[in-house]
Amino acid sequence: MRLFYNLMAYLMYLPFTAYWLVRAIGNPSYRQKIGQRFGFSYPNLEKSLWIHAVSVGEVVAAEPLIKALLQRFPDRPLLVTTVTPTGAARAKRVFGDRIHHSYIPFETPFAVNRFFRSVDPKIALILETEIWPNLYEGCGVRKIPLVLVSARISSRSVKSYRRLLPLLRETLSHGIFIAAQSRTDAERFISLGANADRTRVTGNIKFDIELEPGIREKGADFRRRTFGDRPVWIAASTHEGEEQLVLDAHKSLLNTHPDVLLLLVPRHPERFAQVAELIRRNHLSHVSRTAHRPCESTDHVFLGNTMGEMMMFYGASDIAFVAGSLVPIGGHNLLEPSAMGLPIVFGPHYFNAPDIAELFISNSACRLVQDVDELAGTISELIQDPGLAGDLGEKAKDIVARNRGSLSQLLEVVTPLIEDQG
């Protein structure tokens, strides 16, 4: 099975290379460190602590863990790997030179072996359910403890993984520690071959989100200077096809709330110009963040065309629509606006984190909308009823507070593993 897997990995090498080169044409950030995707130019480290976080959401979730490890093991180099440039940018913006960053290698034995020789990890911490058979085997044969952090697996994924059960059982047999989000997740991993003695329920580290000191005040000040006293709703991390739906909802809102302002933040920076053009085609006046000027009363949309300012934008808003959910992307992080105490709204496509979404739904701590009309109606209702909006925001913030504690349980697992490595 592994021979077949490696053969497929090498056969996918050319299409993968072509894909990455095409992405690099439209987005220069994909050119940075491109050799690392293929086994070259990794940092040379000794006895590093390695954390893998796919993209921005996982990096944000990992930040409390990274801070704790930097404090507990200040003499160890800490390596953060990502798949996306946006995840890399977030890690470097928050931690600067306190960490090393690399892109994770493609799953060929050649690239994986070069990666391990260069970065010399003594522990691997993989956020959520990133299953990389060759990287996992590399940890196993080198006796590197590997921990799946906030590990989760859906019932749908279990069915898919069962088709690859021989490879998966081998992958999970290399002394992997499963720090599962829930008992159900733990049982699913065990059914796929994980060692029950190395599987523990530690919860979801995403709930241990730490707000930047003063971020609420920063957001309020930005709002005062830029938006004045207008009602503001944010559409956070929108995707292609979703911006038009959000703009349609906003045009409907303007009929009943002519002073309402939409703070529109696309997910991917390479699409900022495209979204600006879309706003113009909808005959809406807008101001871009990079214009560094306040909105006029005639402006309808504020385009957040910068990276790393989402929490400030949340702090400047009254209501948060968490995007990637009106189109089948799977939804984005509900916990960031919830920690800020904002009422949250999201669409029907929340399969990226269904347990979190359903926790909010079952506690009446959010509004779930199915389409553009429901989105416009819900935002209108929350604008008209500040008491209802405030109640939703408090419920959301309380859910985050009640589910904290995963980090301390995780550190109980991780710290002895690091210390045993010397």
Protein backbone atom coordinates (compact mmCIF):
# COMPACT_ATOMS: atom_id res chain seq x y z
CA MET A 1 0.00 0.00 0.00
CA ARG A 2 2.79 2.43 0.86
CA LEU A 3 4.60 1.62 -2.41
CA PHE A 4 1.43 2.50 -4.31
CA TYR A 5 1.01 5.70 -2.26
CA ASN A 6 4.59 6.81 -3.00
CA LEU A 7 4.18 6.03 -6.67
CA MET A 8 1.08 8.23 -6.76
CA ALA A 9 2.95 10.97 -4.91
CA TYR A 10 5.67 11.02 -7.57
CA LEU A 11 3.09 10.85 -10.38
CA MET A 12 1.38 13.91 -8.89
CA TYR A 13 4.67 15.80 -8.75
CA LEU A 14 4.32 17.47 -12.17
CA PRO A 15 0.65 18.48 -11.75
CA PHE A 16 1.45 19.78 -8.27
CA THR A 17 4.38 21.81 -9.63
CA ALA A 18 2.19 23.22 -12.40
CA TYR A 19 -0.52 24.15 -9.91
CA TRP A 20 1.93 25.99 -7.66
CA LEU A 21 3.50 27.86 -10.56
CA VAL A 22 0.08 28.99 -11.78
CA ARG A 23 -0.80 30.21 -8.27
CA ALA A 24 2.51 32.09 -8.18
CA ILE A 25 1.61 34.01 -11.34
CA GLY A 26 -1.38 35.66 -9.70
CA ASN A 27 -0.02 35.81 -6.17
CA PRO A 28 3.70 36.59 -5.70
CA SER A 29 3.61 35.26 -2.14
CA TYR A 30 3.38 31.73 -3.58
CA ARG A 31 6.85 32.23 -5.07
CA GLN A 32 8.43 32.73 -1.66
CA LYS A 33 10.38 29.71 -0.45
CA ILE A 34 8.89 27.68 -3.27
CA GLY A 35 11.82 25.24 -3.10
CA GLN A 36 10.63 24.11 0.32
CA ARG A 37 7.59 22.52 -1.29
CA PHE A 38 9.95 20.17 -3.13
CA GLY A 39 12.66 19.42 -0.57
CA PHE A 40 15.07 22.37 -0.66
CA SER A 41 16.17 25.37 1.43
CA TYR A 42 14.82 24.44 4.83
CA PRO A 43 16.25 26.13 7.93
CA ASN A 44 19.04 24.16 9.61
CA LEU A 45 17.92 23.57 13.19
CA GLU A 46 18.84 21.34 16.10
CA LYS A 47 16.32 19.67 18.41
CA SER A 48 13.46 21.83 17.15
CA LEU A 49 9.86 21.83 18.35
CA TRP A 50 7.74 21.52 15.22
CA ILE A 51 4.13 22.75 14.90
CA HIS A 52 2.19 22.31 11.66
CA ALA A 53 -0.77 24.62 11.02
CA VAL A 54 -2.26 24.57 7.52
CA SER A 55 -3.46 28.15 7.14
CA VAL A 56 -4.51 31.28 9.01
CA GLY A 57 -7.23 29.63 11.09
CA GLU A 58 -4.93 26.90 12.37
CA VAL A 59 -2.12 29.39 13.05
CA VAL A 60 -4.52 31.52 15.11
CA ALA A 61 -5.60 28.40 17.01
CA ALA A 62 -1.97 27.45 17.62
CA GLU A 63 -0.89 30.84 18.96
CA PRO A 64 -1.54 30.09 22.67
CA LEU A 65 0.34 26.79 22.29
CA ILE A 66 3.26 28.50 20.54
CA LYS A 67 3.46 31.13 23.28
CA ALA A 68 3.40 28.47 25.99
CA LEU A 69 6.18 26.46 24.34
CA LEU A 70 8.33 29.55 23.79
CA GLN A 71 7.99 30.30 27.50
CA ARG A 72 8.59 26.74 28.75
CA PHE A 73 11.40 25.86 26.35
CA PRO A 74 13.14 29.15 25.50
CA ASP A 75 16.34 27.41 24.38
CA ARG A 76 14.65 25.20 21.80
CA PRO A 77 14.16 26.47 18.23
CA LEU A 78 10.45 26.45 17.37
CA LEU A 79 9.46 25.68 13.78
CA VAL A 80 6.01 26.50 12.39
CA THR A 81 5.12 24.97 9.04
CA THR A 82 2.14 26.01 6.94
CA VAL A 83 0.68 25.22 3.55
CA THR A 84 -0.55 28.71 2.66
CA PRO A 85 1.32 32.03 2.45
CA THR A 86 -1.42 33.70 4.48
CA GLY A 87 -0.74 31.29 7.33
CA ALA A 88 2.98 32.04 7.05
CA ALA A 89 2.34 35.79 7.11
CA ARG A 90 0.20 35.48 10.24
CA ALA A 91 2.83 33.43 12.07
CA LYS A 92 5.64 35.85 11.25
CA ARG A 93 3.51 38.91 12.05
CA VAL A 94 2.62 37.61 15.52
CA PHE A 95 5.91 35.96 16.49
CA GLY A 96 8.57 37.56 14.29
CA ASP A 97 12.05 36.16 14.81
CA ARG A 98 11.01 34.14 17.86
CA ILE A 99 10.01 31.32 15.52
CA HIS A 100 11.29 29.74 12.32
CA HIS A 101 8.93 29.20 9.44
CA SER A 102 8.93 26.74 6.58
CA TYR A 103 6.40 25.43 4.12
CA ILE A 104 5.61 21.77 4.58
CA PRO A 105 7.11 19.54 1.88
CA PHE A 106 5.10 17.69 -0.69
CA GLU A 107 4.63 14.02 0.26
CA THR A 108 7.48 12.50 -1.74
CA PRO A 109 10.06 10.48 0.24
CA PHE A 110 12.85 12.67 -1.19
CA ALA A 111 11.34 15.93 0.08
CA VAL A 112 10.26 14.46 3.41
CA ASN A 113 13.72 13.03 4.17
CA ARG A 114 15.45 16.31 3.36
CA PHE A 115 12.97 18.14 5.58
CA PHE A 116 13.73 15.93 8.58
CA ARG A 117 17.49 16.13 8.06
CA SER A 118 17.41 19.93 8.03
CA VAL A 119 14.95 20.85 10.79
CA ASP A 120 15.75 17.95 13.20
CA PRO A 121 12.42 17.94 15.08
CA LYS A 122 12.23 16.30 18.50
CA ILE A 123 8.45 16.54 18.62
CA ALA A 124 5.77 17.13 15.98
CA LEU A 125 2.47 18.83 16.83
CA ILE A 126 -0.04 18.67 13.98
CA LEU A 127 -3.20 20.74 14.36
CA GLU A 128 -6.53 19.05 13.76
CA THR A 129 -6.64 16.22 11.23
CA GLU A 130 -3.79 16.63 8.80
CA ILE A 131 -2.85 13.07 7.85
CA TRP A 132 0.43 12.89 5.93
CA PRO A 133 1.52 9.22 5.71
CA ASN A 134 5.16 9.86 4.75
CA LEU A 135 5.67 12.64 7.28
CA TYR A 136 4.09 10.46 9.96
CA GLU A 137 6.27 7.51 8.99
CA GLY A 138 9.30 9.84 9.07
CA CYS A 139 8.46 10.67 12.67
CA GLY A 140 7.92 7.01 13.50
CA VAL A 141 11.21 5.65 12.12
CA ARG A 142 13.11 8.51 13.80
CA LYS A 143 11.23 7.94 17.09
CA ILE A 144 9.93 11.52 17.08
CA PRO A 145 6.78 11.85 19.24
CA LEU A 146 3.89 13.04 17.11
CA VAL A 147 0.76 14.59 18.60
CA LEU A 148 -2.44 15.33 16.69
CA VAL A 149 -3.68 18.49 18.43
CA SER A 150 -7.45 19.09 18.66
CA ALA A 151 -7.84 16.05 16.45
CA ARG A 152 -11.25 15.55 14.91
CA ILE A 153 -12.72 13.25 12.32
CA SER A 154 -16.21 13.36 10.85
CA SER A 155 -18.39 10.33 10.21
CA ARG A 156 -18.08 11.10 6.49
CA SER A 157 -14.28 11.11 6.75
CA VAL A 158 -14.29 7.77 8.57
CA LYS A 159 -16.02 6.18 5.58
CA SER A 160 -13.43 7.69 3.22
CA TYR A 161 -10.47 6.67 5.39
CA ARG A 162 -11.70 3.08 5.61
CA ARG A 163 -10.94 2.69 1.91
CA LEU A 164 -7.29 3.39 2.78
CA LEU A 165 -7.35 1.41 6.00
CA PRO A 166 -4.13 -0.61 5.48
CA LEU A 167 -2.11 2.56 4.87
CA LEU A 168 -3.92 4.47 7.59
CA ARG A 169 -3.41 1.77 10.22
CA GLU A 170 0.29 1.76 9.41
CA THR A 171 0.37 5.55 9.58
CA LEU A 172 -1.39 5.66 12.96
CA SER A 173 0.75 2.86 14.40
CA HIS A 174 3.93 4.94 14.75
CA GLY A 175 3.42 5.91 18.39
CA ILE A 176 1.10 8.80 17.55
CA PHE A 177 -0.66 10.57 20.41
CA ILE A 178 -4.21 11.62 19.60
CA ALA A 179 -5.34 14.70 21.57
CA ALA A 180 -8.96 14.47 20.44
CA GLN A 181 -11.58 17.20 20.55
CA SER A 182 -14.31 14.86 21.84
CA ARG A 183 -14.95 11.32 22.96
CA THR A 184 -16.62 10.62 19.61
CA ASP A 185 -13.51 11.79 17.76
CA ALA A 186 -11.32 9.61 19.97
CA GLU A 187 -13.44 6.53 19.30
CA ARG A 188 -13.34 7.14 15.57
CA PHE A 189 -9.55 7.37 15.56
CA ILE A 190 -9.30 4.17 17.60
CA SER A 191 -11.59 2.42 15.10
CA LEU A 192 -9.10 3.38 12.38
CA GLY A 193 -6.12 1.92 14.19
CA ALA A 194 -4.97 4.53 16.72
CA ASN A 195 -3.60 3.18 20.01
CA ALA A 196 -6.26 3.57 22.72
CA ASP A 197 -3.55 4.10 25.38
CA ARG A 198 -2.21 7.06 23.40
CA THR A 199 -5.61 8.62 22.71
CA ARG A 200 -6.92 11.25 25.09
CA VAL A 201 -9.77 13.77 24.98
CA THR A 202 -8.29 17.24 25.55
CA GLY A 203 -10.91 19.44 23.86
CA ASN A 204 -10.50 22.05 21.17
CA ILE A 205 -7.55 24.40 21.53
CA LYS A 206 -9.36 26.98 19.41
CA PHE A 207 -11.44 27.92 22.46
CA ASP A 208 -8.25 29.07 24.22
CA ILE A 209 -8.13 32.08 21.92
CA GLU A 210 -6.22 35.02 23.40
CA LEU A 211 -7.30 38.50 22.38
CA GLU A 212 -4.56 41.00 21.68
CA PRO A 213 -4.36 43.42 24.65
CA GLY A 214 -6.36 46.55 23.93
CA ILE A 215 -7.88 45.19 20.70
CA ARG A 216 -11.41 46.23 21.65
CA GLU A 217 -10.26 49.78 22.34
CA LYS A 218 -8.25 49.78 19.11
CA GLY A 219 -11.31 48.68 17.16
CA ALA A 220 -13.54 51.27 18.83
CA ASP A 221 -11.05 54.03 18.07
CA PHE A 222 -10.75 52.91 14.44
CA ARG A 223 -14.53 52.92 14.16
CA ARG A 224 -14.84 56.40 15.63
CA ARG A 225 -12.26 57.82 13.25
CA THR A 226 -13.35 55.93 10.13
CA PHE A 227 -17.08 55.14 10.37
CA GLY A 228 -18.46 57.61 12.87
CA ASP A 229 -21.72 56.50 14.48
CA ARG A 230 -23.10 54.54 11.51
CA PRO A 231 -24.31 50.95 12.04
CA VAL A 232 -21.62 48.58 10.73
CA TRP A 233 -21.82 44.90 9.79
CA ILE A 234 -18.79 42.92 8.72
CA ALA A 235 -18.64 40.13 6.16
CA ALA A 236 -15.44 38.38 7.23
CA SER A 237 -13.30 36.16 4.97
CA THR A 238 -15.54 36.11 1.91
CA HIS A 239 -14.88 33.96 -1.16
CA GLU A 240 -15.48 34.20 -4.88
CA GLY A 241 -19.20 34.06 -5.57
CA GLU A 242 -19.99 35.03 -2.00
CA GLU A 243 -19.16 38.73 -2.30
CA GLN A 244 -21.99 39.19 -4.79
CA LEU A 245 -24.42 37.57 -2.38
CA VAL A 246 -23.21 39.82 0.44
CA LEU A 247 -23.51 42.92 -1.78
CA ASP A 248 -27.03 41.90 -2.78
CA ALA A 249 -27.93 41.62 0.90
CA HIS A 250 -26.37 45.01 1.58
CA LYS A 251 -28.28 46.70 -1.24
CA SER A 252 -31.47 45.31 0.25
CA LEU A 253 -30.47 46.64 3.68
CA LEU A 254 -29.84 50.12 2.28
CA ASN A 255 -33.53 50.37 1.39
CA THR A 256 -34.49 50.27 5.06
CA HIS A 257 -31.24 51.41 6.72
CA PRO A 258 -29.73 54.03 4.38
CA ASP A 259 -26.84 54.77 6.75
CA VAL A 260 -25.71 51.14 7.23
CA LEU A 261 -22.10 50.39 6.26
CA LEU A 262 -20.72 47.06 5.07
CA LEU A 263 -17.16 46.20 6.10
CA LEU A 264 -16.19 43.65 3.45
CA VAL A 265 -13.04 41.57 4.01
CA PRO A 266 -12.13 39.04 1.28
CA ARG A 267 -10.33 35.90 2.41
CA HIS A 268 -7.51 35.99 -0.15
CA PRO A 269 -5.39 39.10 -0.81
CA GLU A 270 -4.94 38.31 -4.51
CA ARG A 271 -8.66 39.00 -4.92
CA PHE A 272 -8.72 42.47 -3.35
CA ALA A 273 -8.67 44.29 -6.70
CA GLN A 274 -11.27 41.93 -8.17
CA VAL A 275 -13.63 42.58 -5.24
CA ALA A 276 -13.12 46.35 -5.52
CA GLU A 277 -14.18 46.12 -9.17
CA LEU A 278 -17.20 44.01 -8.19
CA ILE A 279 -18.29 46.71 -5.72
CA ARG A 280 -18.06 49.33 -8.48
CA ARG A 281 -20.08 47.15 -10.86
CA ASN A 282 -22.81 47.02 -8.23
CA HIS A 283 -22.92 50.84 -8.28
CA LEU A 284 -21.87 51.10 -4.66
CA SER A 285 -19.41 53.70 -3.43
CA HIS A 286 -16.54 52.30 -1.36
CA VAL A 287 -13.42 53.21 0.57
CA SER A 288 -10.45 50.85 0.78
CA ARG A 289 -8.48 50.41 3.97
CA THR A 290 -5.30 51.26 2.07
CA ALA A 291 -6.78 54.69 1.18
CA HIS A 292 -6.33 55.66 4.86
CA ARG A 293 -9.30 58.00 4.90
CA PRO A 294 -12.63 58.01 6.74
CA CYS A 295 -15.87 57.02 5.04
CA GLU A 296 -18.16 59.75 3.77
CA SER A 297 -21.88 59.57 4.38
CA THR A 298 -22.30 58.58 0.72
CA ASP A 299 -19.96 55.56 0.98
CA HIS A 300 -21.71 52.21 1.20
CA VAL A 301 -18.83 49.75 1.63
CA PHE A 302 -15.48 49.73 3.40
CA LEU A 303 -13.12 47.23 1.74
CA GLY A 304 -10.69 45.61 4.16
CA ASN A 305 -7.86 45.07 1.69
CA THR A 306 -5.09 44.43 4.21
CA MET A 307 -3.87 41.39 6.10
CA GLY A 308 -3.69 40.91 9.85
CA GLU A 309 -6.36 43.43 10.89
CA MET A 310 -9.41 41.20 11.18
CA MET A 311 -9.69 41.46 14.96
CA MET A 312 -9.54 45.26 14.78
CA PHE A 313 -12.26 45.14 12.12
CA TYR A 314 -14.38 42.95 14.39
CA GLY A 315 -13.85 45.48 17.15
CA ALA A 316 -15.15 48.21 14.83
CA SER A 317 -18.34 46.31 13.93
CA ASP A 318 -21.79 45.75 15.42
CA ILE A 319 -22.62 42.43 13.76
CA ALA A 320 -20.41 39.72 12.25
CA PHE A 321 -21.31 37.57 9.27
CA VAL A 322 -18.71 34.79 9.21
CA ALA A 323 -18.25 33.94 5.54
CA GLY A 324 -17.25 30.88 3.58
CA SER A 325 -20.70 29.71 4.64
CA LEU A 326 -23.08 31.03 1.96
CA VAL A 327 -20.98 29.13 -0.58
CA PRO A 328 -19.75 25.56 -0.01
CA ILE A 329 -16.36 26.45 1.47
CA GLY A 330 -17.22 25.13 4.93
CA GLY A 331 -17.24 28.30 7.01
CA HIS A 332 -14.52 30.12 8.93
CA ASN A 333 -13.63 30.82 12.55
CA LEU A 334 -16.71 31.59 14.66
CA LEU A 335 -14.68 31.99 17.84
CA GLU A 336 -12.85 35.22 16.98
CA PRO A 337 -15.95 37.43 16.73
CA SER A 338 -17.55 35.49 19.59
CA ALA A 339 -14.60 36.26 21.88
CA MET A 340 -15.17 39.92 21.01
CA GLY A 341 -18.79 39.62 22.11
CA LEU A 342 -20.28 40.21 18.66
CA PRO A 343 -23.56 38.66 17.54
CA ILE A 344 -22.60 36.15 14.84
CA VAL A 345 -24.43 35.14 11.70
CA PHE A 346 -23.39 32.38 9.30
CA GLY A 347 -24.75 30.39 6.39
CA PRO A 348 -25.66 26.72 5.88
CA HIS A 349 -22.19 25.53 4.80
CA TYR A 350 -20.37 25.11 8.12
CA PHE A 351 -18.87 21.66 7.61
CA ASN A 352 -15.29 22.78 8.39
CA ALA A 353 -16.15 22.90 12.10
CA PRO A 354 -19.63 21.42 12.53
CA ASP A 355 -19.24 20.69 16.25
CA ILE A 356 -18.51 24.34 17.03
CA ALA A 357 -21.28 25.62 14.77
CA GLU A 358 -23.83 23.22 16.23
CA LEU A 359 -22.78 24.19 19.76
CA PHE A 360 -23.68 27.79 18.96
CA ILE A 361 -26.91 26.78 17.22
CA SER A 362 -28.08 24.53 20.09
CA ASN A 363 -27.41 27.31 22.61
CA SER A 364 -29.25 29.96 20.54
CA ALA A 365 -26.00 31.93 20.48
CA CYS A 366 -26.01 32.77 16.76
CA ARG A 367 -28.24 33.21 13.76
CA LEU A 368 -28.11 30.64 10.96
CA VAL A 369 -29.28 31.92 7.57
CA GLN A 370 -29.96 29.96 4.40
CA ASP A 371 -29.77 32.61 1.69
CA VAL A 372 -29.39 36.27 0.78
CA ASP A 373 -32.89 37.25 1.86
CA GLU A 374 -32.44 35.70 5.29
CA LEU A 375 -29.05 37.35 5.64
CA ALA A 376 -30.47 40.79 4.88
CA GLY A 377 -33.47 40.22 7.14
CA THR A 378 -31.33 39.00 10.04
CA ILE A 379 -28.87 41.89 9.83
CA SER A 380 -31.80 44.31 9.67
CA GLU A 381 -33.41 42.73 12.74
CA LEU A 382 -30.18 42.96 14.75
CA ILE A 383 -29.67 46.59 13.76
CA GLN A 384 -33.21 47.46 14.86
CA ASP A 385 -32.98 45.52 18.14
CA PRO A 386 -29.68 46.26 19.95
CA GLY A 387 -30.92 44.30 22.96
CA LEU A 388 -31.27 41.14 20.90
CA ALA A 389 -27.87 41.73 19.29
CA GLY A 390 -26.28 42.24 22.70
CA ASP A 391 -27.88 39.06 24.07
CA LEU A 392 -26.54 36.99 21.15
CA GLY A 393 -23.08 38.48 21.61
CA GLU A 394 -23.04 37.67 25.33
CA LYS A 395 -24.16 34.09 24.72
CA ALA A 396 -21.45 33.64 22.11
CA LYS A 397 -18.77 35.04 24.41
CA ASP A 398 -19.97 32.79 27.23
CA ILE A 399 -19.62 29.68 25.05
CA VAL A 400 -15.99 30.56 24.37
CA ALA A 401 -15.33 31.13 28.09
CA ARG A 402 -17.01 27.86 29.17
CA ASN A 403 -15.03 25.73 26.75
CA ARG A 404 -11.55 27.01 27.55
CA GLY A 405 -8.96 24.70 29.12
CA SER A 406 -7.77 22.53 26.24
CA LEU A 407 -4.32 24.14 26.29
CA SER A 408 -3.53 23.12 29.87
CA GLN A 409 -4.63 19.53 29.18
CA LEU A 410 -2.58 19.45 26.00
CA LEU A 411 0.53 20.72 27.77
CA GLU A 412 0.18 17.88 30.29
CA VAL A 413 0.63 15.51 27.33
CA VAL A 414 3.24 17.47 25.41
CA THR A 415 5.64 18.66 28.12
CA PRO A 416 6.84 15.19 29.27
CA LEU A 417 7.31 14.11 25.65
CA ILE A 418 9.61 17.08 25.01
CA GLU A 419 11.51 16.63 28.25
CA ASP A 420 12.05 12.91 27.52
CA GLN A 421 13.72 13.86 24.25
CA GLY A 422 16.48 15.68 26.11
